Protein backbone atom coordinates (compact mmCIF):
# COMPACT_ATOMS: atom_id res chain seq x y z
CA MET A 1 -138.58 -65.67 63.27
CA SER A 2 -136.61 -65.59 66.61
CA ARG A 3 -133.02 -67.40 66.36
CA LEU A 4 -134.22 -68.96 69.88
CA ALA A 5 -136.33 -71.49 67.75
CA CYS A 6 -133.34 -72.20 65.66
CA ALA A 7 -130.22 -72.36 67.86
CA VAL A 8 -130.84 -74.23 71.02
CA VAL A 9 -127.28 -74.34 71.92
CA PRO A 10 -126.82 -70.84 73.92
CA VAL A 11 -123.52 -69.10 73.63
CA VAL A 12 -122.78 -65.88 74.77
CA LEU A 13 -120.84 -64.19 72.03
CA ALA A 14 -118.73 -61.56 73.58
CA MET A 15 -116.34 -59.18 71.94
CA THR A 16 -112.83 -60.98 71.76
CA VAL A 17 -109.63 -59.27 72.56
CA PHE A 18 -106.72 -60.82 71.09
CA ALA A 19 -103.63 -61.24 73.00
CA GLY A 20 -100.28 -60.39 71.12
CA ILE A 21 -97.88 -63.15 70.60
CA GLY A 22 -94.48 -61.65 69.00
CA GLY A 23 -94.16 -58.07 68.02
CA ALA A 24 -96.82 -55.46 67.10
CA GLN A 25 -97.74 -55.19 63.51
CA GLU A 26 -98.18 -51.90 61.67
CA VAL A 27 -99.73 -51.07 58.45
CA LYS A 28 -100.51 -47.78 56.88
CA THR A 29 -104.12 -47.41 55.61
CA THR A 30 -105.38 -44.44 53.42
CA ALA A 31 -106.61 -42.73 56.67
CA GLY A 32 -103.48 -43.71 58.90
CA PRO A 33 -101.40 -46.17 60.36
CA VAL A 34 -102.75 -49.03 62.45
CA LYS A 35 -101.12 -51.31 64.86
CA GLY A 36 -102.38 -55.07 65.28
CA THR A 37 -101.01 -58.10 66.76
CA THR A 38 -100.28 -61.70 66.20
CA VAL A 39 -102.10 -65.13 66.89
CA GLY A 40 -101.45 -68.68 65.90
CA ASN A 41 -97.78 -68.76 67.32
CA GLY A 42 -96.98 -65.59 65.42
CA ALA A 43 -98.19 -66.81 62.00
CA ILE A 44 -101.38 -64.58 61.79
CA ARG A 45 -101.72 -61.04 61.80
CA VAL A 46 -104.90 -59.54 63.33
CA PHE A 47 -106.15 -55.99 63.17
CA SER A 48 -109.38 -54.94 65.07
CA GLY A 49 -111.51 -52.16 64.92
CA ILE A 50 -110.41 -50.23 62.03
CA PRO A 51 -112.68 -47.20 61.28
CA TYR A 52 -114.07 -47.57 57.64
CA ALA A 53 -116.50 -44.58 58.18
CA ALA A 54 -117.14 -41.66 60.14
CA PRO A 55 -119.05 -42.32 63.34
CA PRO A 56 -122.74 -42.13 62.36
CA VAL A 57 -123.69 -40.00 65.10
CA GLY A 58 -125.41 -36.51 65.71
CA ASP A 59 -126.26 -35.08 62.25
CA LEU A 60 -124.82 -37.99 60.57
CA ARG A 61 -127.42 -40.57 62.07
CA TRP A 62 -129.57 -41.79 59.27
CA ARG A 63 -127.35 -40.62 56.61
CA PRO A 64 -125.16 -42.46 54.20
CA PRO A 65 -121.45 -43.44 55.54
CA GLN A 66 -119.08 -40.59 55.33
CA PRO A 67 -115.44 -40.66 54.87
CA VAL A 68 -113.37 -41.37 58.10
CA ALA A 69 -111.29 -38.66 59.48
CA PRO A 70 -107.78 -39.14 58.96
CA TRP A 71 -105.21 -39.68 61.83
CA GLN A 72 -101.52 -39.05 62.09
CA LEU A 73 -100.48 -41.16 65.23
CA VAL A 74 -100.54 -44.95 65.10
CA LYS A 75 -104.19 -46.18 65.92
CA ASP A 76 -104.23 -49.11 68.25
CA ALA A 77 -105.96 -52.05 66.47
CA THR A 78 -105.55 -54.95 68.93
CA THR A 79 -109.21 -54.63 70.25
CA PRO A 80 -112.40 -54.93 68.40
CA GLY A 81 -114.62 -51.84 68.53
CA PRO A 82 -118.07 -51.89 70.32
CA ALA A 83 -121.02 -53.64 68.27
CA CYS A 84 -123.68 -51.48 66.79
CA THR A 85 -126.36 -50.50 68.77
CA GLN A 86 -128.88 -53.25 69.18
CA GLY A 87 -131.66 -54.60 71.36
CA LYS A 88 -131.56 -58.17 73.00
CA VAL A 89 -132.83 -60.13 69.97
CA PHE A 90 -131.35 -63.19 70.58
CA ASP A 91 -130.21 -65.21 73.55
CA ASP A 92 -127.04 -66.46 71.96
CA ILE A 93 -125.68 -63.06 70.92
CA SER A 94 -124.47 -60.57 73.59
CA PHE A 95 -122.18 -57.71 73.30
CA PRO A 96 -121.08 -55.82 76.35
CA GLN A 97 -120.02 -52.79 74.49
CA GLN A 98 -122.22 -51.25 71.96
CA SER A 99 -122.36 -47.78 70.44
CA GLU A 100 -123.66 -45.94 67.27
CA ASP A 101 -119.95 -45.36 66.60
CA CYS A 102 -119.35 -48.78 65.33
CA LEU A 103 -118.43 -48.81 61.83
CA THR A 104 -115.31 -50.62 62.09
CA VAL A 105 -113.53 -53.62 60.06
CA ASN A 106 -111.45 -56.52 61.52
CA VAL A 107 -108.58 -58.04 59.29
CA TYR A 108 -107.04 -61.60 59.53
CA ALA A 109 -104.15 -62.11 57.28
CA PRO A 110 -100.75 -64.52 57.18
CA VAL A 111 -97.92 -62.77 58.35
CA GLU A 112 -96.14 -63.41 55.02
CA ALA A 113 -99.45 -62.33 52.87
CA THR A 114 -98.87 -61.14 49.47
CA ARG A 115 -101.75 -60.57 47.11
CA LEU A 116 -103.91 -63.23 48.70
CA PRO A 117 -107.51 -63.93 48.03
CA VAL A 118 -109.68 -61.50 50.14
CA MET A 119 -113.11 -62.95 51.99
CA VAL A 120 -115.39 -60.36 53.42
CA TRP A 121 -117.89 -61.76 55.84
CA ILE A 122 -121.27 -60.21 56.38
CA HIS A 123 -122.90 -61.40 59.70
CA GLY A 124 -126.45 -62.38 60.29
CA GLY A 125 -129.20 -61.43 62.79
CA GLY A 126 -132.12 -60.43 60.83
CA PHE A 127 -130.64 -57.06 60.30
CA GLN A 128 -131.23 -56.44 63.86
CA ALA A 129 -128.33 -57.90 65.87
CA GLY A 130 -125.09 -59.43 65.59
CA GLY A 131 -121.38 -58.11 64.92
CA GLY A 132 -118.31 -58.96 62.90
CA PRO A 133 -116.10 -59.93 65.83
CA GLU A 134 -118.28 -62.85 67.29
CA PRO A 135 -115.96 -65.75 68.41
CA ARG A 136 -117.60 -68.04 65.76
CA HIS A 137 -116.37 -65.76 63.12
CA ASP A 138 -112.78 -66.05 64.11
CA GLY A 139 -110.68 -65.99 60.97
CA GLN A 140 -107.70 -67.85 61.81
CA ALA A 141 -108.44 -71.08 60.02
CA PHE A 142 -108.92 -69.01 56.72
CA ALA A 143 -105.86 -67.15 56.97
CA ARG A 144 -104.06 -70.62 57.92
CA LYS A 145 -105.43 -71.46 54.46
CA GLY A 146 -104.06 -68.38 52.63
CA ILE A 147 -106.86 -66.06 52.76
CA VAL A 148 -106.91 -62.32 53.95
CA LEU A 149 -110.37 -62.35 55.94
CA VAL A 150 -112.40 -59.46 56.72
CA THR A 151 -115.08 -58.89 59.01
CA MET A 152 -117.42 -55.82 59.53
CA ASN A 153 -119.88 -54.18 61.64
CA TYR A 154 -123.07 -52.60 59.98
CA ARG A 155 -125.80 -50.49 61.51
CA LEU A 156 -128.60 -52.60 62.50
CA GLY A 157 -132.59 -52.09 63.49
CA VAL A 158 -133.74 -48.67 63.75
CA PHE A 159 -130.37 -47.22 63.22
CA GLY A 160 -129.80 -48.93 60.03
CA PHE A 161 -133.22 -49.10 58.36
CA LEU A 162 -135.18 -46.14 59.24
CA ALA A 163 -136.97 -44.51 56.25
CA HIS A 164 -138.79 -41.24 56.56
CA PRO A 165 -140.03 -38.80 54.09
CA GLU A 166 -137.66 -35.97 55.56
CA LEU A 167 -134.54 -38.17 55.05
CA THR A 168 -135.71 -39.24 51.64
CA ARG A 169 -135.98 -35.41 50.58
CA GLU A 170 -132.45 -34.53 52.06
CA SER A 171 -130.71 -37.50 50.50
CA ALA A 172 -128.71 -36.78 47.29
CA GLY A 173 -130.00 -40.03 46.08
CA SER A 174 -133.67 -39.24 46.87
CA ALA A 175 -133.59 -42.55 49.08
CA SER A 176 -133.63 -43.48 52.70
CA GLY A 177 -133.84 -46.81 54.85
CA ASN A 178 -131.10 -48.71 53.73
CA TYR A 179 -128.09 -47.37 55.82
CA GLY A 180 -126.97 -50.70 56.93
CA LEU A 181 -126.59 -51.93 53.17
CA LEU A 182 -124.63 -48.86 52.27
CA ASP A 183 -122.59 -49.29 55.35
CA GLN A 184 -121.51 -52.71 53.73
CA VAL A 185 -120.71 -51.06 50.35
CA ALA A 186 -118.53 -48.34 52.24
CA ALA A 187 -116.66 -51.26 54.06
CA LEU A 188 -116.09 -53.15 50.51
CA ARG A 189 -114.66 -49.72 49.29
CA TRP A 190 -112.37 -49.73 52.28
CA VAL A 191 -111.28 -53.19 51.08
CA LYS A 192 -110.82 -52.10 47.83
CA ASP A 193 -108.65 -49.19 48.64
CA ASN A 194 -106.71 -50.84 51.66
CA ILE A 195 -106.56 -54.46 51.49
CA ALA A 196 -103.48 -54.72 49.53
CA ALA A 197 -101.45 -53.06 52.57
CA PHE A 198 -102.52 -56.19 54.61
CA GLY A 199 -101.18 -58.69 51.86
CA GLY A 200 -104.78 -59.26 50.07
CA ASP A 201 -105.36 -58.91 46.46
CA PRO A 202 -108.14 -56.11 45.73
CA GLY A 203 -108.86 -57.79 42.38
CA ASN A 204 -109.92 -61.01 43.89
CA VAL A 205 -112.47 -60.36 46.59
CA THR A 206 -115.37 -62.65 47.65
CA ILE A 207 -118.35 -61.82 49.85
CA PHE A 208 -119.91 -64.25 52.02
CA GLY A 209 -122.69 -64.26 54.48
CA GLU A 210 -125.15 -66.10 56.56
CA SER A 211 -129.13 -65.47 57.05
CA ALA A 212 -129.12 -61.67 56.85
CA GLY A 213 -125.79 -61.79 55.66
CA SER A 214 -126.77 -64.10 52.87
CA PHE A 215 -129.79 -61.91 52.01
CA ALA A 216 -127.32 -58.88 51.93
CA VAL A 217 -124.77 -60.81 49.43
CA SER A 218 -127.82 -61.20 47.03
CA GLY A 219 -128.94 -57.71 47.66
CA LEU A 220 -125.18 -56.43 46.73
CA MET A 221 -125.19 -58.40 43.84
CA ALA A 222 -128.32 -56.87 42.46
CA SER A 223 -127.42 -53.34 43.53
CA PRO A 224 -125.65 -51.17 41.09
CA LEU A 225 -123.42 -49.70 44.30
CA GLY A 226 -121.80 -53.14 44.45
CA LYS A 227 -120.72 -53.39 40.79
CA GLY A 228 -116.64 -54.10 40.54
CA LEU A 229 -116.21 -54.20 44.38
CA PHE A 230 -116.24 -58.10 44.46
CA HIS A 231 -115.75 -60.99 42.25
CA LYS A 232 -117.31 -63.95 43.66
CA ALA A 233 -120.20 -64.67 46.21
CA ILE A 234 -121.19 -67.00 48.63
CA GLY A 235 -124.57 -67.38 50.31
CA GLN A 236 -125.48 -69.23 53.21
CA SER A 237 -129.04 -69.50 54.06
CA GLY A 238 -131.08 -66.70 52.52
CA ALA A 239 -131.97 -64.44 49.85
CA PHE A 240 -134.21 -61.58 48.81
CA PHE A 241 -136.47 -63.72 46.92
CA GLY A 242 -138.86 -65.12 49.56
CA ALA A 243 -141.63 -64.43 52.03
CA THR A 244 -139.50 -63.05 54.72
CA LEU A 245 -137.32 -60.10 55.28
CA GLY A 246 -138.50 -57.99 52.78
CA PRO A 247 -137.48 -55.69 51.01
CA GLY A 248 -140.66 -53.58 51.28
CA SER A 249 -141.44 -50.40 49.40
CA LEU A 250 -140.23 -47.18 50.12
CA ALA A 251 -143.50 -45.61 50.45
CA ALA A 252 -144.53 -48.13 53.26
CA ALA A 253 -141.23 -47.93 54.99
CA GLU A 254 -141.45 -43.93 54.97
CA GLN A 255 -144.77 -44.20 56.70
CA GLN A 256 -143.96 -46.40 59.24
CA GLY A 257 -140.92 -44.10 60.00
CA VAL A 258 -143.39 -41.18 60.22
CA ALA A 259 -145.50 -43.53 62.88
CA PHE A 260 -142.53 -44.23 64.88
CA ALA A 261 -141.34 -40.50 64.93
CA ARG A 262 -144.64 -39.40 66.10
CA ALA A 263 -144.53 -42.17 68.91
CA THR A 264 -141.07 -40.89 70.27
CA GLY A 265 -142.71 -37.26 70.42
CA ALA A 266 -140.30 -35.99 67.59
CA ASP A 267 -142.17 -33.45 65.53
CA THR A 268 -138.93 -32.91 63.13
CA LEU A 269 -136.16 -34.78 62.09
CA ALA A 270 -133.55 -32.44 63.96
CA ALA A 271 -135.62 -33.54 67.18
CA LEU A 272 -135.43 -37.52 66.21
CA ARG A 273 -131.82 -36.92 65.63
CA GLY A 274 -131.33 -35.42 68.96
CA LYS A 275 -132.85 -38.39 70.93
CA PRO A 276 -130.46 -40.53 72.98
CA ALA A 277 -129.82 -43.91 71.39
CA GLN A 278 -131.07 -45.88 74.14
CA GLU A 279 -134.43 -44.14 73.89
CA LEU A 280 -134.71 -44.86 70.22
CA LEU A 281 -133.96 -48.48 70.99
CA ASP A 282 -136.27 -48.73 73.51
CA ALA A 283 -139.17 -47.17 71.50
CA ALA A 284 -138.41 -49.36 68.65
CA THR A 285 -138.69 -52.43 70.78
CA ALA A 286 -141.80 -51.16 72.45
CA SER A 287 -143.45 -50.65 69.03
CA LYS A 288 -142.40 -54.13 67.86
CA GLN A 289 -141.73 -52.46 64.45
CA HIS A 290 -139.26 -54.33 62.38
CA PHE A 291 -137.01 -52.00 60.41
CA SER A 292 -135.00 -53.71 57.52
CA PRO A 293 -134.00 -53.22 54.01
CA VAL A 294 -136.37 -51.32 51.43
CA ILE A 295 -136.48 -51.06 47.70
CA ASP A 296 -135.35 -47.39 48.02
CA GLY A 297 -134.60 -46.68 44.29
CA TYR A 298 -130.90 -46.09 45.06
CA PHE A 299 -129.16 -49.13 46.41
CA LEU A 300 -131.87 -51.33 45.26
CA PRO A 301 -133.39 -49.55 42.16
CA ARG A 302 -136.09 -52.15 42.14
CA ASP A 303 -137.21 -55.40 43.12
CA VAL A 304 -134.34 -57.93 43.68
CA PRO A 305 -135.89 -60.75 41.60
CA ALA A 306 -136.92 -58.24 38.75
CA THR A 307 -132.99 -57.33 38.70
CA TYR A 308 -131.78 -61.02 38.25
CA ALA A 309 -134.76 -61.80 35.66
CA ALA A 310 -133.36 -58.96 33.51
CA GLY A 311 -129.96 -60.31 34.05
CA GLU A 312 -128.84 -57.00 35.49
CA GLN A 313 -127.10 -58.53 38.74
CA SER A 314 -123.42 -58.74 39.13
CA HIS A 315 -122.25 -61.83 36.81
CA VAL A 316 -120.06 -63.49 39.24
CA PRO A 317 -119.57 -67.14 40.42
CA LEU A 318 -122.17 -68.14 43.16
CA LEU A 319 -121.79 -70.76 45.75
CA ALA A 320 -124.86 -70.97 47.92
CA GLY A 321 -127.08 -73.29 49.90
CA TRP A 322 -128.91 -73.59 53.26
CA ASN A 323 -129.42 -76.14 55.97
CA ALA A 324 -131.54 -79.25 56.05
CA ASP A 325 -133.25 -78.47 59.17
CA GLU A 326 -133.06 -74.44 59.54
CA ILE A 327 -136.06 -74.05 62.01
CA ARG A 328 -136.98 -77.78 62.74
CA THR A 329 -137.09 -77.17 66.24
CA ALA A 330 -140.21 -74.77 65.65
CA VAL A 331 -142.02 -78.06 64.98
CA THR A 332 -140.38 -80.84 66.80
CA LEU A 333 -140.13 -78.86 70.11
CA ARG A 334 -143.69 -77.63 70.10
CA PRO A 335 -145.92 -79.15 72.94
CA GLN A 336 -148.69 -80.06 70.40
CA LYS A 337 -146.79 -82.10 67.47
CA PRO A 338 -148.48 -81.94 64.02
CA THR A 339 -150.62 -84.85 62.81
CA VAL A 340 -151.94 -85.67 59.29
CA GLN A 341 -155.18 -83.91 60.23
CA THR A 342 -153.73 -80.64 61.90
CA PHE A 343 -150.93 -80.44 59.04
CA THR A 344 -153.46 -80.93 56.16
CA GLU A 345 -155.79 -78.37 57.71
CA HIS A 346 -153.16 -75.58 58.47
CA THR A 347 -151.49 -76.20 54.99
CA ARG A 348 -154.89 -75.60 53.22
CA GLN A 349 -155.56 -72.50 55.29
CA GLN A 350 -152.15 -70.84 54.55
CA PHE A 351 -151.80 -71.90 50.83
CA GLY A 352 -155.63 -71.69 49.73
CA VAL A 353 -155.88 -72.84 45.96
CA HIS A 354 -151.97 -73.91 46.07
CA ALA A 355 -152.64 -76.25 48.90
CA GLU A 356 -152.99 -79.45 46.88
CA ALA A 357 -149.85 -79.11 45.17
CA VAL A 358 -147.99 -78.12 48.54
CA LEU A 359 -149.54 -81.28 50.21
CA ARG A 360 -148.37 -83.37 47.19
CA ALA A 361 -144.88 -82.16 47.54
CA TYR A 362 -144.74 -82.20 51.66
CA SER A 363 -146.79 -85.73 51.76
CA ALA A 364 -148.44 -86.61 55.24
CA SER A 365 -149.85 -89.92 55.11
CA THR A 366 -148.82 -90.72 58.72
CA ASP A 367 -148.29 -88.53 61.85
CA ALA A 368 -144.75 -89.12 61.79
CA GLU A 369 -144.52 -88.24 58.19
CA ALA A 370 -146.63 -85.13 58.95
CA LEU A 371 -144.04 -84.02 61.63
CA GLU A 372 -141.34 -84.42 59.15
CA SER A 373 -143.34 -82.58 56.29
CA ALA A 374 -144.24 -79.69 58.65
CA ALA A 375 -140.71 -79.28 59.88
CA ALA A 376 -139.31 -79.49 56.11
CA LEU A 377 -142.33 -76.93 55.02
CA ALA A 378 -141.52 -74.36 57.87
CA SER A 379 -137.71 -74.31 57.12
CA ASP A 380 -138.25 -74.01 53.54
CA MET A 381 -140.88 -71.04 53.96
CA PHE A 382 -138.56 -69.44 56.42
CA ILE A 383 -134.96 -69.71 54.29
CA GLY A 384 -134.83 -72.82 51.94
CA TYR A 385 -137.22 -71.55 49.06
CA SER A 386 -135.42 -67.86 49.06
CA THR A 387 -132.18 -69.56 48.58
CA TRP A 388 -133.39 -71.90 46.01
CA LYS A 389 -135.09 -69.21 43.83
CA TRP A 390 -131.73 -67.10 44.12
CA ILE A 391 -129.67 -69.97 42.72
CA GLU A 392 -132.08 -70.75 40.09
CA MET A 393 -132.43 -67.25 38.83
CA HIS A 394 -128.67 -66.67 38.90
CA LEU A 395 -128.13 -69.96 37.07
CA ALA A 396 -130.79 -68.69 34.37
CA THR A 397 -129.26 -65.08 33.94
CA GLY A 398 -125.90 -64.92 35.56
CA ARG A 399 -123.56 -66.22 33.05
CA SER A 400 -121.20 -67.46 35.82
CA PRO A 401 -120.83 -70.83 37.31
CA VAL A 402 -123.25 -71.82 40.26
CA TYR A 403 -122.44 -74.39 43.11
CA ARG A 404 -125.16 -75.45 45.27
CA TYR A 405 -124.95 -77.13 48.77
CA SER A 406 -127.16 -78.76 51.58
CA PHE A 407 -125.64 -78.83 55.03
CA ASP A 408 -126.93 -81.93 56.55
CA ARG A 409 -125.04 -82.75 59.80
CA GLN A 410 -127.47 -83.49 62.83
CA ILE A 411 -125.16 -80.98 64.99
CA PRO A 412 -124.31 -82.56 68.46
CA VAL A 413 -125.55 -81.14 71.44
CA PRO A 414 -124.30 -81.32 75.24
CA THR A 415 -125.43 -84.53 77.22
CA GLY A 416 -128.41 -83.38 79.23
CA HIS A 417 -129.35 -80.33 77.19
CA THR A 418 -132.77 -79.09 77.81
CA VAL A 419 -135.24 -76.68 76.16
CA MET A 420 -137.97 -75.31 78.42
CA GLY A 421 -137.45 -78.24 80.95
CA ALA A 422 -137.45 -80.91 78.10
CA PRO A 423 -134.47 -82.90 77.22
CA VAL A 424 -133.65 -82.60 73.34
CA THR A 425 -131.46 -84.69 71.02
CA ALA A 426 -129.47 -83.73 68.06
CA LYS A 427 -132.33 -85.30 66.02
CA ASP A 428 -134.94 -82.86 67.33
CA ILE A 429 -132.63 -80.07 66.23
CA GLY A 430 -130.81 -81.26 63.09
CA ALA A 431 -128.83 -79.07 60.94
CA ARG A 432 -130.27 -75.97 62.37
CA HIS A 433 -130.13 -72.23 61.11
CA ALA A 434 -126.70 -70.80 61.55
CA GLY A 435 -125.01 -74.18 62.79
CA GLU A 436 -122.90 -74.26 59.82
CA ILE A 437 -121.22 -71.12 60.66
CA GLU A 438 -118.59 -72.80 63.13
CA TYR A 439 -117.70 -75.35 60.48
CA VAL A 440 -117.04 -72.70 57.84
CA PHE A 441 -115.05 -70.76 60.16
CA GLY A 442 -113.14 -73.77 61.66
CA SER A 443 -114.14 -72.45 65.03
CA LEU A 444 -115.92 -75.41 66.68
CA GLU A 445 -114.30 -75.52 70.09
CA ARG A 446 -113.55 -71.87 70.34
CA SER A 447 -117.16 -70.80 69.65
CA LEU A 448 -118.91 -73.65 71.32
CA PRO A 449 -116.58 -75.38 73.82
CA LYS A 450 -119.38 -77.42 75.80
CA VAL A 451 -120.54 -79.17 72.69
CA PRO A 452 -119.29 -82.92 72.38
CA TRP A 453 -117.52 -82.12 69.04
CA GLU A 454 -116.31 -85.51 67.30
CA ASP A 455 -113.49 -86.08 64.50
CA VAL A 456 -116.30 -86.25 62.11
CA ASP A 457 -117.27 -82.66 62.98
CA ARG A 458 -113.63 -81.47 62.74
CA LYS A 459 -113.08 -83.23 59.47
CA LEU A 460 -116.43 -81.79 57.99
CA SER A 461 -115.44 -78.34 59.14
CA ASP A 462 -111.91 -78.59 57.57
CA THR A 463 -113.42 -79.66 54.29
CA MET A 464 -116.11 -76.99 54.43
CA THR A 465 -113.38 -74.22 54.78
CA SER A 466 -111.28 -75.77 52.00
CA TYR A 467 -114.40 -75.73 49.72
CA TRP A 468 -114.89 -71.96 50.62
CA VAL A 469 -111.17 -71.04 50.21
CA ASN A 470 -110.73 -72.70 46.94
CA PHE A 471 -113.88 -71.06 45.55
CA ALA A 472 -112.57 -67.65 46.80
CA ARG A 473 -109.41 -68.26 45.18
CA THR A 474 -110.48 -69.56 41.58
CA GLY A 475 -114.17 -69.49 41.58
CA ASP A 476 -114.35 -73.51 41.81
CA PRO A 477 -114.56 -75.08 45.19
CA ASN A 478 -112.73 -78.15 44.16
CA GLY A 479 -109.08 -78.91 45.26
CA PRO A 480 -106.85 -82.05 46.32
CA ALA A 481 -108.16 -84.66 48.68
CA LEU A 482 -111.67 -83.08 48.48
CA PRO A 483 -114.95 -85.09 46.99
CA ARG A 484 -115.30 -83.63 43.57
CA TRP A 485 -117.95 -80.67 43.34
CA SER A 486 -119.70 -80.28 40.08
CA PRO A 487 -121.42 -76.98 39.23
CA TYR A 488 -125.28 -76.85 39.57
CA ALA A 489 -126.17 -76.49 35.93
CA ALA A 490 -129.65 -76.74 33.97
CA ALA A 491 -128.56 -80.07 32.31
CA ALA A 492 -127.45 -81.61 35.87
CA ARG A 493 -128.81 -80.20 38.95
CA ARG A 494 -126.20 -81.66 41.35
CA VAL A 495 -125.92 -80.67 45.02
CA MET A 496 -123.09 -81.03 47.44
CA HIS A 497 -124.50 -82.72 50.81
CA LEU A 498 -122.30 -81.44 53.70
CA ASP A 499 -122.38 -84.27 56.36
CA VAL A 500 -120.50 -86.92 58.11
CA SER A 501 -120.04 -88.20 54.41
CA VAL A 502 -119.51 -85.72 51.86
CA LYS A 503 -121.05 -86.70 48.68
CA LEU A 504 -122.66 -85.09 45.45
CA ALA A 505 -126.14 -85.87 44.67
CA ASP A 506 -128.85 -85.04 42.24
CA GLU A 507 -131.23 -82.49 43.34
CA ILE A 508 -134.33 -83.94 45.27
CA HIS A 509 -137.34 -82.20 46.40
CA ARG A 510 -137.68 -79.88 43.40
CA ALA A 511 -141.58 -80.28 43.45
CA ARG A 512 -141.62 -78.57 46.91
CA TYR A 513 -139.85 -75.34 45.65
CA GLU A 514 -141.88 -75.25 42.58
CA ALA A 515 -145.02 -75.47 44.62
CA LEU A 516 -144.02 -72.77 46.76
CA ASP A 517 -142.78 -70.84 43.79
CA ALA A 518 -146.31 -70.93 42.36
CA PHE A 519 -147.82 -69.66 45.42
CA LEU A 520 -145.43 -66.93 46.27
CA GLN A 521 -145.46 -65.62 42.78
CA ALA A 522 -149.22 -65.46 42.94
CA GLN A 523 -148.82 -63.39 46.16
CA ARG A 524 -146.23 -61.05 44.53
CA ALA A 525 -148.76 -60.65 41.88
CA ALA A 526 -151.67 -59.79 44.52
CA PRO A 527 -149.64 -58.18 47.37
CA THR A 528 -152.79 -56.96 49.02
CA THR A 529 -153.52 -60.52 49.65
CA HIS A 530 -150.05 -61.45 50.56
CA VAL A 531 -149.68 -64.27 53.14
CA ARG A 532 -146.64 -64.57 55.36
CA PRO A 533 -145.61 -68.01 57.01
């Protein structure tokens, strides 16, 4: 699913160079000393582009991340490193500097930080695009609230998720294809070993991410490699429980890798590793192959839902939710809007014997109602269901508190904004996919300066950042001057609605997710007839 269909306010997210205010800041990591800078009138230290693993180039391409070579001289950490090599996937993400040598982290910390809670952000982008140091991931708001924030890069696309029989055979874990996820594990190990030097508490680490980053959080909770590296988890829109973003089987991914290698003219793994990065990127783009996580038997020993069903995931507090209108624009901006007839016909074609249950849950007695139901169904099949199922499964077997939210704010758009020549309104777009990121990070103006933000947006942003910070601190999002947020529990499924008015309410639309659950569980039982949205 293209983010063009979800994010209609284009932004060029360039690598940010932080200007120093005050003196240089120096910290010794396990690999060597680094020098950062300060921002926020000298109150916040920023360290950018710190290597957490060796460059995955040459013979290290498509291998698990290796230890970084130590250094003696002070390494400059005032400028983010390049983004991981990626194609032009989304119009609103652009990195002038890209490289396979990209495995770096960025740290934001209050100047006087001592054993503060740590939050580690995993960016989204469908496992194909994105990077840690995007302007919307600016960590100053978290640092001002007493958090040490870490963002990371991890390998993407063909470089992060190519599986191949030869790669599997050479691996100590008899696995291939999840290098980007293994990078995340390496970054978390770097945090465990080094974050105390930056004023963070390695015993109080929260992982959080959006879209593919949220999928990764659900996967890290399921992976034995993630055990003990984090203590709380936040998921924003997405998990490995639905119809999109895999993970697929290792065998199928290996065959995809064999076909890709042949298409490039490489008859050996060494030849494939010897090809220039741009040639591989171009070949992947031309092939239209989607390289994404797999059930490799190592990072993911088995299917993620099966791990949660057995109660074998990390038993940590979870705060998770999704946006009310994830891909509403895929429906509202179509030239041909759905009608009662077309929505009903399409639903019956897509869901077969489950269609009547789905149509009862997504009612369409009028064309206007059909449009709203089509938009809701598209968003739920894209992201909403998978996040709901994750929450339900962790509630059932996780032995830890769960908090659920719905981000409902119709995000403002610039006056006169158009898509494909047609004017659009905030109602057309709604609470779009990824739209909550700027609110969570308190980066509204820094990230999207042309949007006519209102005071209610700034207040909502501050509230959301505070909830996230409180949860990272104690596993409970509640705090002074905040609306009370009760846990999501079997006896009282309560959802915090984040909007102009922030309020807790009983779960609604449960029938929708139960209908989709019945359909998707049937598809999982009969994979040869699997239908994707």
